[in-house]
Amino acid sequence: MRNTEVRNTQIGADDAGLLSMLTAARLDERRGRADVMAARLEKLALFIKQGELNGTEAAELLCVEAQIILNEAREIN
């Protein structure tokens, strides 16, 4: 079910500090998620190198990791 009610919110000069804080928090969250993703990719790359996986095995490993990430995203929402 969709929310079809439209609300007009007035933003005044006194809200600028709050908006900048929200923007900073969002950017910080994105940086944190990027750090986590980079660490996961490094872990996978190391596993592929050390295990000397072939292309098919590496692709299968990436598919499993993608499914794990999707499941985590669904749990958050």
C-alpha atoms as a PDB file:
ATOM      1  CA  MET A   1       0.000   0.000   0.000  1.00  0.00           C
ATOM      2  CA  ARG A   2       1.381   3.367  -0.940  1.00  0.00           C
ATOM      3  CA  ASN A   3       1.148   6.544   1.021  1.00  0.00           C
ATOM      4  CA  THR A   4      -0.603   8.964  -1.315  1.00  0.00           C
ATOM      5  CA  GLU A   5      -0.755  11.868   1.100  1.00  0.00           C
ATOM      6  CA  VAL A   6       1.418  14.777   0.006  1.00  0.00           C
ATOM      7  CA  ARG A   7       2.891  16.980   2.684  1.00  0.00           C
ATOM      8  CA  ASN A   8       4.562  20.316   2.145  1.00  0.00           C
ATOM      9  CA  THR A   9       7.294  20.901   4.680  1.00  0.00           C
ATOM     10  CA  GLN A  10       8.666  24.368   5.078  1.00  0.00           C
ATOM     11  CA  ILE A  11      12.369  24.567   5.750  1.00  0.00           C
ATOM     12  CA  GLY A  12      13.574  27.687   7.446  1.00  0.00           C
ATOM     13  CA  ALA A  13      16.963  29.206   8.049  1.00  0.00           C
ATOM     14  CA  ASP A  14      17.110  27.629  11.513  1.00  0.00           C
ATOM     15  CA  ASP A  15      16.970  24.125   9.941  1.00  0.00           C
ATOM     16  CA  ALA A  16      20.268  24.550   8.077  1.00  0.00           C
ATOM     17  CA  GLY A  17      22.310  23.145  10.964  1.00  0.00           C
ATOM     18  CA  LEU A  18      20.086  20.095  11.224  1.00  0.00           C
ATOM     19  CA  LEU A  19      20.240  19.489   7.482  1.00  0.00           C
ATOM     20  CA  SER A  20      24.030  19.716   7.431  1.00  0.00           C
ATOM     21  CA  MET A  21      24.213  17.270  10.363  1.00  0.00           C
ATOM     22  CA  LEU A  22      21.951  14.818   8.519  1.00  0.00           C
ATOM     23  CA  THR A  23      24.051  15.146   5.376  1.00  0.00           C
ATOM     24  CA  ALA A  24      27.238  14.521   7.339  1.00  0.00           C
ATOM     25  CA  ALA A  25      25.683  11.464   9.015  1.00  0.00           C
ATOM     26  CA  ARG A  26      24.622  10.047   5.645  1.00  0.00           C
ATOM     27  CA  LEU A  27      28.087  10.545   4.188  1.00  0.00           C
ATOM     28  CA  ASP A  28      29.654   8.919   7.240  1.00  0.00           C
ATOM     29  CA  GLU A  29      27.323   5.930   6.858  1.00  0.00           C
ATOM     30  CA  ARG A  30      28.233   5.593   3.166  1.00  0.00           C
ATOM     31  CA  ARG A  31      31.939   5.712   4.001  1.00  0.00           C
ATOM     32  CA  GLY A  32      31.438   3.024   6.618  1.00  0.00           C
ATOM     33  CA  ARG A  33      29.572   0.771   4.191  1.00  0.00           C
ATOM     34  CA  ALA A  34      32.274   1.323   1.556  1.00  0.00           C
ATOM     35  CA  ASP A  35      34.968   0.317   4.073  1.00  0.00           C
ATOM     36  CA  VAL A  36      33.073  -2.865   4.923  1.00  0.00           C
ATOM     37  CA  MET A  37      32.582  -3.731   1.252  1.00  0.00           C
ATOM     38  CA  ALA A  38      36.250  -3.107   0.462  1.00  0.00           C
ATOM     39  CA  ALA A  39      37.293  -5.384   3.316  1.00  0.00           C
ATOM     40  CA  ARG A  40      34.954  -8.131   2.072  1.00  0.00           C
ATOM     41  CA  LEU A  41      36.333  -7.863  -1.457  1.00  0.00           C
ATOM     42  CA  GLU A  42      39.915  -8.003  -0.182  1.00  0.00           C
ATOM     43  CA  LYS A  43      39.060 -11.094   1.852  1.00  0.00           C
ATOM     44  CA  LEU A  44      37.532 -12.773  -1.198  1.00  0.00           C
ATOM     45  CA  ALA A  45      40.492 -11.850  -3.418  1.00  0.00           C
ATOM     46  CA  LEU A  46      42.930 -13.280  -0.890  1.00  0.00           C
ATOM     47  CA  PHE A  47      40.871 -16.475  -0.601  1.00  0.00           C
ATOM     48  CA  ILE A  48      40.807 -16.835  -4.398  1.00  0.00           C
ATOM     49  CA  LYS A  49      44.578 -16.277  -4.662  1.00  0.00           C
ATOM     50  CA  GLN A  50      45.545 -18.571  -1.797  1.00  0.00           C
ATOM     51  CA  GLY A  51      43.150 -21.297  -2.857  1.00  0.00           C
ATOM     52  CA  GLU A  52      44.265 -20.901  -6.465  1.00  0.00           C
ATOM     53  CA  LEU A  53      40.667 -21.065  -7.604  1.00  0.00           C
ATOM     54  CA  ASN A  54      39.915 -21.214 -11.296  1.00  0.00           C
ATOM     55  CA  GLY A  55      37.525 -18.762 -12.959  1.00  0.00           C
ATOM     56  CA  THR A  56      34.431 -20.911 -12.435  1.00  0.00           C
ATOM     57  CA  GLU A  57      35.176 -21.454  -8.750  1.00  0.00           C
ATOM     58  CA  ALA A  58      35.905 -17.762  -8.224  1.00  0.00           C
ATOM     59  CA  ALA A  59      32.641 -16.798  -9.941  1.00  0.00           C
ATOM     60  CA  GLU A  60      30.736 -19.267  -7.766  1.00  0.00           C
ATOM     61  CA  LEU A  61      32.333 -17.799  -4.645  1.00  0.00           C
ATOM     62  CA  LEU A  62      31.339 -14.292  -5.750  1.00  0.00           C
ATOM     63  CA  CYS A  63      27.747 -15.437  -6.337  1.00  0.00           C
ATOM     64  CA  VAL A  64      27.581 -16.884  -2.832  1.00  0.00           C
ATOM     65  CA  GLU A  65      28.925 -13.634  -1.371  1.00  0.00           C
ATOM     66  CA  ALA A  66      26.427 -11.605  -3.406  1.00  0.00           C
ATOM     67  CA  GLN A  67      23.590 -13.710  -1.988  1.00  0.00           C
ATOM     68  CA  ILE A  68      24.888 -13.133   1.548  1.00  0.00           C
ATOM     69  CA  ILE A  69      24.945  -9.370   0.943  1.00  0.00           C
ATOM     70  CA  LEU A  70      21.390  -9.427  -0.465  1.00  0.00           C
ATOM     71  CA  ASN A  71      20.156 -11.373   2.558  1.00  0.00           C
ATOM     72  CA  GLU A  72      21.777  -8.872   4.916  1.00  0.00           C
ATOM     73  CA  ALA A  73      20.171  -5.985   3.020  1.00  0.00           C
ATOM     74  CA  ARG A  74      16.744  -7.615   3.307  1.00  0.00           C
ATOM     75  CA  GLU A  75      17.208  -8.037   7.063  1.00  0.00           C
ATOM     76  CA  ILE A  76      17.939  -4.304   7.413  1.00  0.00           C
ATOM     77  CA  ASN A  77      14.802  -3.282   5.524  1.00  0.00           C
END
